[in-house]
Amino acid sequence: MVDSFTRTQPKEVSINGYNMINAEFIALKDPVLNHFTSNFSDKEREKFWHEITMVFSYFLQPISDLIRIASQQTNILPKQPQRDCNQKQKFNGPTL
């Protein structure tokens, strides 16, 4: 489905879509971890989030590939998420 979307849409649409999806994914980290891993250690929580990130990255690989190729060709890079200076947890997600 993602591959089909990526092949049929203009690059800019795919890149914007990726940025929107990635921002939503980042925002879900704390709620997901709080719901599913409330009794886990910090290390176990990060391992759990890493596994979710790997699945997320797998599904979005066609868009990630498109962004990598587009950035090499035209220097178009995806937007990096704004980081809160007070945030203690680092994001280990698929941001390129």
PDB file of N, CA and C in Angstrom:
ATOM      1  N   MET A   1       0.821  -1.183   0.000  1.00  0.00           N
ATOM      2  CA  MET A   1       0.000   0.000   0.000  1.00  0.00           C
ATOM      3  C   MET A   1       0.877   1.263   0.000  1.00  0.00           C
ATOM      4  N   VAL A   2       1.881   1.317   0.870  1.00  0.00           N
ATOM      5  CA  VAL A   2       2.779   2.475   0.914  1.00  0.00           C
ATOM      6  C   VAL A   2       3.583   2.563  -0.367  1.00  0.00           C
ATOM      7  N   ASP A   3       4.022   1.420  -0.861  1.00  0.00           N
ATOM      8  CA  ASP A   3       4.780   1.400  -2.110  1.00  0.00           C
ATOM      9  C   ASP A   3       3.935   1.937  -3.261  1.00  0.00           C
ATOM     10  N   SER A   4       2.691   1.523  -3.336  1.00  0.00           N
ATOM     11  CA  SER A   4       1.793   1.994  -4.382  1.00  0.00           C
ATOM     12  C   SER A   4       1.565   3.497  -4.263  1.00  0.00           C
ATOM     13  N   PHE A   5       1.335   3.973  -3.053  1.00  0.00           N
ATOM     14  CA  PHE A   5       1.152   5.406  -2.821  1.00  0.00           C
ATOM     15  C   PHE A   5       2.387   6.177  -3.279  1.00  0.00           C
ATOM     16  N   THR A   6       3.549   5.696  -2.896  1.00  0.00           N
ATOM     17  CA  THR A   6       4.803   6.382  -3.224  1.00  0.00           C
ATOM     18  C   THR A   6       5.024   6.445  -4.727  1.00  0.00           C
ATOM     19  N   ARG A   7       4.676   5.385  -5.435  1.00  0.00           N
ATOM     20  CA  ARG A   7       4.885   5.353  -6.887  1.00  0.00           C
ATOM     21  C   ARG A   7       3.888   6.222  -7.650  1.00  0.00           C
ATOM     22  N   THR A   8       2.708   6.464  -7.072  1.00  0.00           N
ATOM     23  CA  THR A   8       1.671   7.176  -7.818  1.00  0.00           C
ATOM     24  C   THR A   8       1.546   8.657  -7.447  1.00  0.00           C
ATOM     25  N   GLN A   9       2.227   9.088  -6.407  1.00  0.00           N
ATOM     26  CA  GLN A   9       2.118  10.475  -5.960  1.00  0.00           C
ATOM     27  C   GLN A   9       3.382  11.255  -6.321  1.00  0.00           C
ATOM     28  N   PRO A  10       3.258  12.572  -6.473  1.00  0.00           N
ATOM     29  CA  PRO A  10       4.461  13.393  -6.650  1.00  0.00           C
ATOM     30  C   PRO A  10       5.370  13.256  -5.428  1.00  0.00           C
ATOM     31  N   LYS A  11       6.663  13.417  -5.637  1.00  0.00           N
ATOM     32  CA  LYS A  11       7.624  13.272  -4.540  1.00  0.00           C
ATOM     33  C   LYS A  11       7.259  14.145  -3.346  1.00  0.00           C
ATOM     34  N   GLU A  12       6.867  15.383  -3.618  1.00  0.00           N
ATOM     35  CA  GLU A  12       6.561  16.315  -2.536  1.00  0.00           C
ATOM     36  C   GLU A  12       5.402  15.811  -1.671  1.00  0.00           C
ATOM     37  N   VAL A  13       4.413  15.197  -2.294  1.00  0.00           N
ATOM     38  CA  VAL A  13       3.268  14.651  -1.551  1.00  0.00           C
ATOM     39  C   VAL A  13       3.739  13.511  -0.654  1.00  0.00           C
ATOM     40  N   SER A  14       4.579  12.635  -1.181  1.00  0.00           N
ATOM     41  CA  SER A  14       5.101  11.526  -0.380  1.00  0.00           C
ATOM     42  C   SER A  14       5.957  12.033   0.770  1.00  0.00           C
ATOM     43  N   ILE A  15       6.791  13.018   0.511  1.00  0.00           N
ATOM     44  CA  ILE A  15       7.660  13.566   1.561  1.00  0.00           C
ATOM     45  C   ILE A  15       6.814  14.233   2.646  1.00  0.00           C
ATOM     46  N   ASN A  16       5.830  15.023   2.243  1.00  0.00           N
ATOM     47  CA  ASN A  16       4.942  15.658   3.227  1.00  0.00           C
ATOM     48  C   ASN A  16       4.164  14.612   4.019  1.00  0.00           C
ATOM     49  N   GLY A  17       3.699  13.576   3.340  1.00  0.00           N
ATOM     50  CA  GLY A  17       2.994  12.490   4.023  1.00  0.00           C
ATOM     51  C   GLY A  17       3.881  11.803   5.044  1.00  0.00           C
ATOM     52  N   TYR A  18       5.119  11.547   4.659  1.00  0.00           N
ATOM     53  CA  TYR A  18       6.071  10.920   5.580  1.00  0.00           C
ATOM     54  C   TYR A  18       6.292  11.805   6.804  1.00  0.00           C
ATOM     55  N   ASN A  19       6.478  13.098   6.573  1.00  0.00           N
ATOM     56  CA  ASN A  19       6.707  14.015   7.693  1.00  0.00           C
ATOM     57  C   ASN A  19       5.521  14.031   8.651  1.00  0.00           C
ATOM     58  N   MET A  20       4.317  14.010   8.104  1.00  0.00           N
ATOM     59  CA  MET A  20       3.120  13.997   8.946  1.00  0.00           C
ATOM     60  C   MET A  20       3.017  12.689   9.739  1.00  0.00           C
ATOM     61  N   ILE A  21       3.227  11.576   9.068  1.00  0.00           N
ATOM     62  CA  ILE A  21       3.154  10.268   9.730  1.00  0.00           C
ATOM     63  C   ILE A  21       4.235  10.159  10.798  1.00  0.00           C
ATOM     64  N   ASN A  22       5.436  10.610  10.487  1.00  0.00           N
ATOM     65  CA  ASN A  22       6.549  10.539  11.426  1.00  0.00           C
ATOM     66  C   ASN A  22       6.272  11.372  12.676  1.00  0.00           C
ATOM     67  N   ALA A  23       5.702  12.561  12.496  1.00  0.00           N
ATOM     68  CA  ALA A  23       5.369  13.414  13.645  1.00  0.00           C
ATOM     69  C   ALA A  23       4.328  12.724  14.538  1.00  0.00           C
ATOM     70  N   GLU A  24       3.334  12.091  13.924  1.00  0.00           N
ATOM     71  CA  GLU A  24       2.326  11.360  14.693  1.00  0.00           C
ATOM     72  C   GLU A  24       2.959  10.188  15.444  1.00  0.00           C
ATOM     73  N   PHE A  25       3.866   9.488  14.776  1.00  0.00           N
ATOM     74  CA  PHE A  25       4.541   8.346  15.394  1.00  0.00           C
ATOM     75  C   PHE A  25       5.324   8.793  16.626  1.00  0.00           C
ATOM     76  N   ILE A  26       6.059   9.880  16.499  1.00  0.00           N
ATOM     77  CA  ILE A  26       6.851  10.392  17.621  1.00  0.00           C
ATOM     78  C   ILE A  26       5.937  10.749  18.790  1.00  0.00           C
ATOM     79  N   ALA A  27       4.810  11.385  18.484  1.00  0.00           N
ATOM     80  CA  ALA A  27       3.876  11.796  19.532  1.00  0.00           C
ATOM     81  C   ALA A  27       3.238  10.601  20.251  1.00  0.00           C
ATOM     82  N   LEU A  28       3.224   9.447  19.624  1.00  0.00           N
ATOM     83  CA  LEU A  28       2.608   8.257  20.230  1.00  0.00           C
ATOM     84  C   LEU A  28       3.526   7.502  21.184  1.00  0.00           C
ATOM     85  N   LYS A  29       4.802   7.843  21.204  1.00  0.00           N
ATOM     86  CA  LYS A  29       5.744   7.066  22.008  1.00  0.00           C
ATOM     87  C   LYS A  29       5.319   6.979  23.473  1.00  0.00           C
ATOM     88  N   ASP A  30       5.162   8.094  24.138  1.00  0.00           N
ATOM     89  CA  ASP A  30       4.829   8.064  25.562  1.00  0.00           C
ATOM     90  C   ASP A  30       3.484   7.401  25.838  1.00  0.00           C
ATOM     91  N   PRO A  31       2.406   7.743  25.101  1.00  0.00           N
ATOM     92  CA  PRO A  31       1.135   7.062  25.371  1.00  0.00           C
ATOM     93  C   PRO A  31       1.203   5.544  25.170  1.00  0.00           C
ATOM     94  N   VAL A  32       1.885   5.110  24.132  1.00  0.00           N
ATOM     95  CA  VAL A  32       2.001   3.666  23.867  1.00  0.00           C
ATOM     96  C   VAL A  32       2.806   2.985  24.981  1.00  0.00           C
ATOM     97  N   LEU A  33       3.937   3.581  25.325  1.00  0.00           N
ATOM     98  CA  LEU A  33       4.760   2.976  26.376  1.00  0.00           C
ATOM     99  C   LEU A  33       4.034   2.972  27.715  1.00  0.00           C
ATOM    100  N   ASN A  34       3.336   4.044  28.030  1.00  0.00           N
ATOM    101  CA  ASN A  34       2.600   4.087  29.297  1.00  0.00           C
ATOM    102  C   ASN A  34       1.503   3.034  29.348  1.00  0.00           C
ATOM    103  N   HIS A  35       0.860   2.790  28.223  1.00  0.00           N
ATOM    104  CA  HIS A  35      -0.236   1.823  28.187  1.00  0.00           C
ATOM    105  C   HIS A  35       0.267   0.368  28.248  1.00  0.00           C
ATOM    106  N   PHE A  36       1.289   0.068  27.454  1.00  0.00           N
ATOM    107  CA  PHE A  36       1.710  -1.330  27.313  1.00  0.00           C
ATOM    108  C   PHE A  36       2.874  -1.738  28.206  1.00  0.00           C
ATOM    109  N   THR A  37       3.629  -0.790  28.714  1.00  0.00           N
ATOM    110  CA  THR A  37       4.854  -1.162  29.429  1.00  0.00           C
ATOM    111  C   THR A  37       4.960  -0.510  30.803  1.00  0.00           C
ATOM    112  N   SER A  38       3.852  -0.265  31.443  1.00  0.00           N
ATOM    113  CA  SER A  38       3.881   0.443  32.725  1.00  0.00           C
ATOM    114  C   SER A  38       4.708  -0.287  33.790  1.00  0.00           C
ATOM    115  N   ASN A  39       4.825  -1.587  33.702  1.00  0.00           N
ATOM    116  CA  ASN A  39       5.586  -2.359  34.696  1.00  0.00           C
ATOM    117  C   ASN A  39       6.980  -2.758  34.209  1.00  0.00           C
ATOM    118  N   PHE A  40       7.416  -2.203  33.091  1.00  0.00           N
ATOM    119  CA  PHE A  40       8.721  -2.549  32.525  1.00  0.00           C
ATOM    120  C   PHE A  40       9.799  -1.613  33.084  1.00  0.00           C
ATOM    121  N   SER A  41      11.040  -2.094  33.062  1.00  0.00           N
ATOM    122  CA  SER A  41      12.172  -1.222  33.378  1.00  0.00           C
ATOM    123  C   SER A  41      12.397  -0.275  32.198  1.00  0.00           C
ATOM    124  N   ASP A  42      13.193   0.771  32.404  1.00  0.00           N
ATOM    125  CA  ASP A  42      13.489   1.706  31.317  1.00  0.00           C
ATOM    126  C   ASP A  42      14.134   0.987  30.131  1.00  0.00           C
ATOM    127  N   LYS A  43      15.010   0.043  30.427  1.00  0.00           N
ATOM    128  CA  LYS A  43      15.672  -0.704  29.355  1.00  0.00           C
ATOM    129  C   LYS A  43      14.666  -1.538  28.571  1.00  0.00           C
ATOM    130  N   GLU A  44      13.754  -2.191  29.271  1.00  0.00           N
ATOM    131  CA  GLU A  44      12.727  -2.992  28.603  1.00  0.00           C
ATOM    132  C   GLU A  44      11.779  -2.114  27.785  1.00  0.00           C
ATOM    133  N   ARG A  45      11.471  -0.922  28.295  1.00  0.00           N
ATOM    134  CA  ARG A  45      10.607   0.009  27.573  1.00  0.00           C
ATOM    135  C   ARG A  45      11.262   0.442  26.265  1.00  0.00           C
ATOM    136  N   GLU A  46      12.543   0.756  26.323  1.00  0.00           N
ATOM    137  CA  GLU A  46      13.259   1.177  25.111  1.00  0.00           C
ATOM    138  C   GLU A  46      13.358   0.030  24.107  1.00  0.00           C
ATOM    139  N   LYS A  47      13.546  -1.185  24.598  1.00  0.00           N
ATOM    140  CA  LYS A  47      13.580  -2.342  23.705  1.00  0.00           C
ATOM    141  C   LYS A  47      12.218  -2.534  23.039  1.00  0.00           C
ATOM    142  N   PHE A  48      11.143  -2.403  23.807  1.00  0.00           N
ATOM    143  CA  PHE A  48       9.790  -2.503  23.277  1.00  0.00           C
ATOM    144  C   PHE A  48       9.570  -1.443  22.198  1.00  0.00           C
ATOM    145  N   TRP A  49       9.949  -0.194  22.495  1.00  0.00           N
ATOM    146  CA  TRP A  49       9.773   0.892  21.515  1.00  0.00           C
ATOM    147  C   TRP A  49      10.630   0.646  20.272  1.00  0.00           C
ATOM    148  N   HIS A  50      11.807   0.120  20.455  1.00  0.00           N
ATOM    149  CA  HIS A  50      12.680  -0.194  19.317  1.00  0.00           C
ATOM    150  C   HIS A  50      11.999  -1.199  18.391  1.00  0.00           C
ATOM    151  N   GLU A  51      11.366  -2.208  18.941  1.00  0.00           N
ATOM    152  CA  GLU A  51      10.669  -3.208  18.125  1.00  0.00           C
ATOM    153  C   GLU A  51       9.519  -2.570  17.347  1.00  0.00           C
ATOM    154  N   ILE A  52       8.767  -1.690  17.992  1.00  0.00           N
ATOM    155  CA  ILE A  52       7.690  -0.984  17.303  1.00  0.00           C
ATOM    156  C   ILE A  52       8.274  -0.126  16.180  1.00  0.00           C
ATOM    157  N   THR A  53       9.374   0.532  16.451  1.00  0.00           N
ATOM    158  CA  THR A  53      10.036   1.387  15.459  1.00  0.00           C
ATOM    159  C   THR A  53      10.497   0.574  14.255  1.00  0.00           C
ATOM    160  N   MET A  54      10.973  -0.638  14.491  1.00  0.00           N
ATOM    161  CA  MET A  54      11.429  -1.478  13.390  1.00  0.00           C
ATOM    162  C   MET A  54      10.257  -1.843  12.472  1.00  0.00           C
ATOM    163  N   VAL A  55       9.114  -2.162  13.033  1.00  0.00           N
ATOM    164  CA  VAL A  55       7.920  -2.474  12.231  1.00  0.00           C
ATOM    165  C   VAL A  55       7.480  -1.235  11.462  1.00  0.00           C
ATOM    166  N   PHE A  56       7.421  -0.104  12.137  1.00  0.00           N
ATOM    167  CA  PHE A  56       7.057   1.162  11.517  1.00  0.00           C
ATOM    168  C   PHE A  56       7.991   1.477  10.345  1.00  0.00           C
ATOM    169  N   SER A  57       9.280   1.315  10.563  1.00  0.00           N
ATOM    170  CA  SER A  57      10.276   1.583   9.519  1.00  0.00           C
ATOM    171  C   SER A  57      10.100   0.645   8.325  1.00  0.00           C
ATOM    172  N   TYR A  58       9.789  -0.615   8.601  1.00  0.00           N
ATOM    173  CA  TYR A  58       9.592  -1.588   7.534  1.00  0.00           C
ATOM    174  C   TYR A  58       8.440  -1.170   6.620  1.00  0.00           C
ATOM    175  N   PHE A  59       7.329  -0.765   7.225  1.00  0.00           N
ATOM    176  CA  PHE A  59       6.165  -0.368   6.421  1.00  0.00           C
ATOM    177  C   PHE A  59       6.409   0.918   5.638  1.00  0.00           C
ATOM    178  N   LEU A  60       7.195   1.810   6.186  1.00  0.00           N
ATOM    179  CA  LEU A  60       7.451   3.092   5.511  1.00  0.00           C
ATOM    180  C   LEU A  60       8.708   3.082   4.648  1.00  0.00           C
ATOM    181  N   GLN A  61       9.331   1.932   4.485  1.00  0.00           N
ATOM    182  CA  GLN A  61      10.575   1.849   3.716  1.00  0.00           C
ATOM    183  C   GLN A  61      10.464   2.443   2.306  1.00  0.00           C
ATOM    184  N   PRO A  62       9.382   2.213   1.561  1.00  0.00           N
ATOM    185  CA  PRO A  62       9.305   2.821   0.222  1.00  0.00           C
ATOM    186  C   PRO A  62       9.389   4.354   0.252  1.00  0.00           C
ATOM    187  N   ILE A  63       8.743   4.977   1.238  1.00  0.00           N
ATOM    188  CA  ILE A  63       8.831   6.436   1.330  1.00  0.00           C
ATOM    189  C   ILE A  63      10.229   6.846   1.787  1.00  0.00           C
ATOM    190  N   SER A  64      10.808   6.109   2.717  1.00  0.00           N
ATOM    191  CA  SER A  64      12.169   6.409   3.168  1.00  0.00           C
ATOM    192  C   SER A  64      13.154   6.341   2.009  1.00  0.00           C
ATOM    193  N   ASP A  65      12.993   5.326   1.170  1.00  0.00           N
ATOM    194  CA  ASP A  65      13.866   5.201  -0.008  1.00  0.00           C
ATOM    195  C   ASP A  65      13.683   6.382  -0.950  1.00  0.00           C
ATOM    196  N   LEU A  66      12.431   6.766  -1.187  1.00  0.00           N
ATOM    197  CA  LEU A  66      12.145   7.904  -2.053  1.00  0.00           C
ATOM    198  C   LEU A  66      12.790   9.177  -1.502  1.00  0.00           C
ATOM    199  N   ILE A  67      12.669   9.407  -0.209  1.00  0.00           N
ATOM    200  CA  ILE A  67      13.255  10.596   0.407  1.00  0.00           C
ATOM    201  C   ILE A  67      14.769  10.577   0.288  1.00  0.00           C
ATOM    202  N   ARG A  68      15.378   9.425   0.517  1.00  0.00           N
ATOM    203  CA  ARG A  68      16.838   9.316   0.407  1.00  0.00           C
ATOM    204  C   ARG A  68      17.292   9.640  -1.015  1.00  0.00           C
ATOM    205  N   ILE A  69      16.613   9.079  -2.012  1.00  0.00           N
ATOM    206  CA  ILE A  69      16.968   9.320  -3.414  1.00  0.00           C
ATOM    207  C   ILE A  69      16.711  10.775  -3.778  1.00  0.00           C
ATOM    208  N   ALA A  70      15.557  11.310  -3.372  1.00  0.00           N
ATOM    209  CA  ALA A  70      15.226  12.698  -3.683  1.00  0.00           C
ATOM    210  C   ALA A  70      16.224  13.653  -3.042  1.00  0.00           C
ATOM    211  N   SER A  71      16.636  13.365  -1.823  1.00  0.00           N
ATOM    212  CA  SER A  71      17.584  14.258  -1.155  1.00  0.00           C
ATOM    213  C   SER A  71      18.952  14.207  -1.821  1.00  0.00           C
ATOM    214  N   GLN A  72      19.324  13.060  -2.349  1.00  0.00           N
ATOM    215  CA  GLN A  72      20.591  12.957  -3.074  1.00  0.00           C
ATOM    216  C   GLN A  72      20.529  13.711  -4.392  1.00  0.00           C
ATOM    217  N   GLN A  73      19.365  13.714  -5.026  1.00  0.00           N
ATOM    218  CA  GLN A  73      19.213  14.351  -6.326  1.00  0.00           C
ATOM    219  C   GLN A  73      18.954  15.850  -6.233  1.00  0.00           C
ATOM    220  N   THR A  74      18.175  16.273  -5.238  1.00  0.00           N
ATOM    221  CA  THR A  74      17.743  17.670  -5.202  1.00  0.00           C
ATOM    222  C   THR A  74      17.962  18.343  -3.858  1.00  0.00           C
ATOM    223  N   ASN A  75      18.616  17.676  -2.944  1.00  0.00           N
ATOM    224  CA  ASN A  75      18.849  18.210  -1.602  1.00  0.00           C
ATOM    225  C   ASN A  75      17.560  18.534  -0.860  1.00  0.00           C
ATOM    226  N   ILE A  76      16.480  17.781  -1.132  1.00  0.00           N
ATOM    227  CA  ILE A  76      15.232  17.901  -0.381  1.00  0.00           C
ATOM    228  C   ILE A  76      15.331  16.933   0.787  1.00  0.00           C
ATOM    229  N   LEU A  77      15.310  17.464   1.990  1.00  0.00           N
ATOM    230  CA  LEU A  77      15.397  16.620   3.170  1.00  0.00           C
ATOM    231  C   LEU A  77      14.091  16.675   3.942  1.00  0.00           C
ATOM    232  N   PRO A  78      13.723  15.567   4.593  1.00  0.00           N
ATOM    233  CA  PRO A  78      12.515  15.607   5.415  1.00  0.00           C
ATOM    234  C   PRO A  78      12.741  16.510   6.616  1.00  0.00           C
ATOM    235  N   LYS A  79      11.656  17.085   7.125  1.00  0.00           N
ATOM    236  CA  LYS A  79      11.768  17.938   8.301  1.00  0.00           C
ATOM    237  C   LYS A  79      12.102  17.087   9.504  1.00  0.00           C
ATOM    238  N   GLN A  80      13.041  17.572  10.293  1.00  0.00           N
ATOM    239  CA  GLN A  80      13.379  16.903  11.536  1.00  0.00           C
ATOM    240  C   GLN A  80      12.419  17.385  12.604  1.00  0.00           C
ATOM    241  N   PRO A  81      11.976  16.501  13.487  1.00  0.00           N
ATOM    242  CA  PRO A  81      11.037  16.934  14.526  1.00  0.00           C
ATOM    243  C   PRO A  81      11.692  17.925  15.470  1.00  0.00           C
ATOM    244  N   GLN A  82      10.885  18.864  15.986  1.00  0.00           N
ATOM    245  CA  GLN A  82      11.360  19.795  17.004  1.00  0.00           C
ATOM    246  C   GLN A  82      11.588  19.009  18.281  1.00  0.00           C
ATOM    247  N   ARG A  83      12.719  19.219  18.904  1.00  0.00           N
ATOM    248  CA  ARG A  83      13.033  18.506  20.142  1.00  0.00           C
ATOM    249  C   ARG A  83      12.853  19.444  21.329  1.00  0.00           C
ATOM    250  N   ASP A  84      12.239  18.934  22.374  1.00  0.00           N
ATOM    251  CA  ASP A  84      12.072  19.684  23.603  1.00  0.00           C
ATOM    252  C   ASP A  84      13.364  19.557  24.395  1.00  0.00           C
ATOM    253  N   CYS A  85      13.941  20.670  24.775  1.00  0.00           N
ATOM    254  CA  CYS A  85      15.217  20.668  25.503  1.00  0.00           C
ATOM    255  C   CYS A  85      15.101  19.941  26.840  1.00  0.00           C
ATOM    256  N   ASN A  86      13.908  19.906  27.423  1.00  0.00           N
ATOM    257  CA  ASN A  86      13.716  19.264  28.717  1.00  0.00           C
ATOM    258  C   ASN A  86      13.369  17.793  28.599  1.00  0.00           C
ATOM    259  N   GLN A  87      13.223  17.299  27.385  1.00  0.00           N
ATOM    260  CA  GLN A  87      12.838  15.906  27.178  1.00  0.00           C
ATOM    261  C   GLN A  87      14.025  15.010  27.485  1.00  0.00           C
ATOM    262  N   LYS A  88      13.804  14.034  28.374  1.00  0.00           N
ATOM    263  CA  LYS A  88      14.888  13.147  28.792  1.00  0.00           C
ATOM    264  C   LYS A  88      15.047  11.949  27.880  1.00  0.00           C
ATOM    265  N   GLN A  89      13.926  11.442  27.345  1.00  0.00           N
ATOM    266  CA  GLN A  89      14.005  10.270  26.483  1.00  0.00           C
ATOM    267  C   GLN A  89      14.405  10.688  25.085  1.00  0.00           C
ATOM    268  N   LYS A  90      15.319   9.929  24.514  1.00  0.00           N
ATOM    269  CA  LYS A  90      15.673  10.219  23.130  1.00  0.00           C
ATOM    270  C   LYS A  90      14.786   9.405  22.217  1.00  0.00           C
ATOM    271  N   PHE A  91      14.577   9.900  21.021  1.00  0.00           N
ATOM    272  CA  PHE A  91      13.752   9.213  20.022  1.00  0.00           C
ATOM    273  C   PHE A  91      14.645   8.325  19.187  1.00  0.00           C
ATOM    274  N   ASN A  92      14.303   7.060  19.105  1.00  0.00           N
ATOM    275  CA  ASN A  92      15.068   6.111  18.317  1.00  0.00           C
ATOM    276  C   ASN A  92      14.266   5.654  17.119  1.00  0.00           C
ATOM    277  N   GLY A  93      13.496   6.552  16.549  1.00  0.00           N
ATOM    278  CA  GLY A  93      12.599   6.198  15.458  1.00  0.00           C
ATOM    279  C   GLY A  93      13.226   6.309  14.090  1.00  0.00           C
ATOM    280  N   PRO A  94      12.409   6.269  13.091  1.00  0.00           N
ATOM    281  CA  PRO A  94      12.872   6.174  11.714  1.00  0.00           C
ATOM    282  C   PRO A  94      13.224   7.485  11.043  1.00  0.00           C
ATOM    283  N   THR A  95      13.293   8.570  11.780  1.00  0.00           N
ATOM    284  CA  THR A  95      13.627   9.839  11.148  1.00  0.00           C
ATOM    285  C   THR A  95      14.949   9.716  10.431  1.00  0.00           C
ATOM    286  N   LEU A  96      14.970  10.173   9.198  1.00  0.00           N
ATOM    287  CA  LEU A  96      16.178  10.059   8.386  1.00  0.00           C
ATOM    288  C   LEU A  96      17.204  11.074   8.749  1.00  0.00           C
TER     289      LEU A  96
END
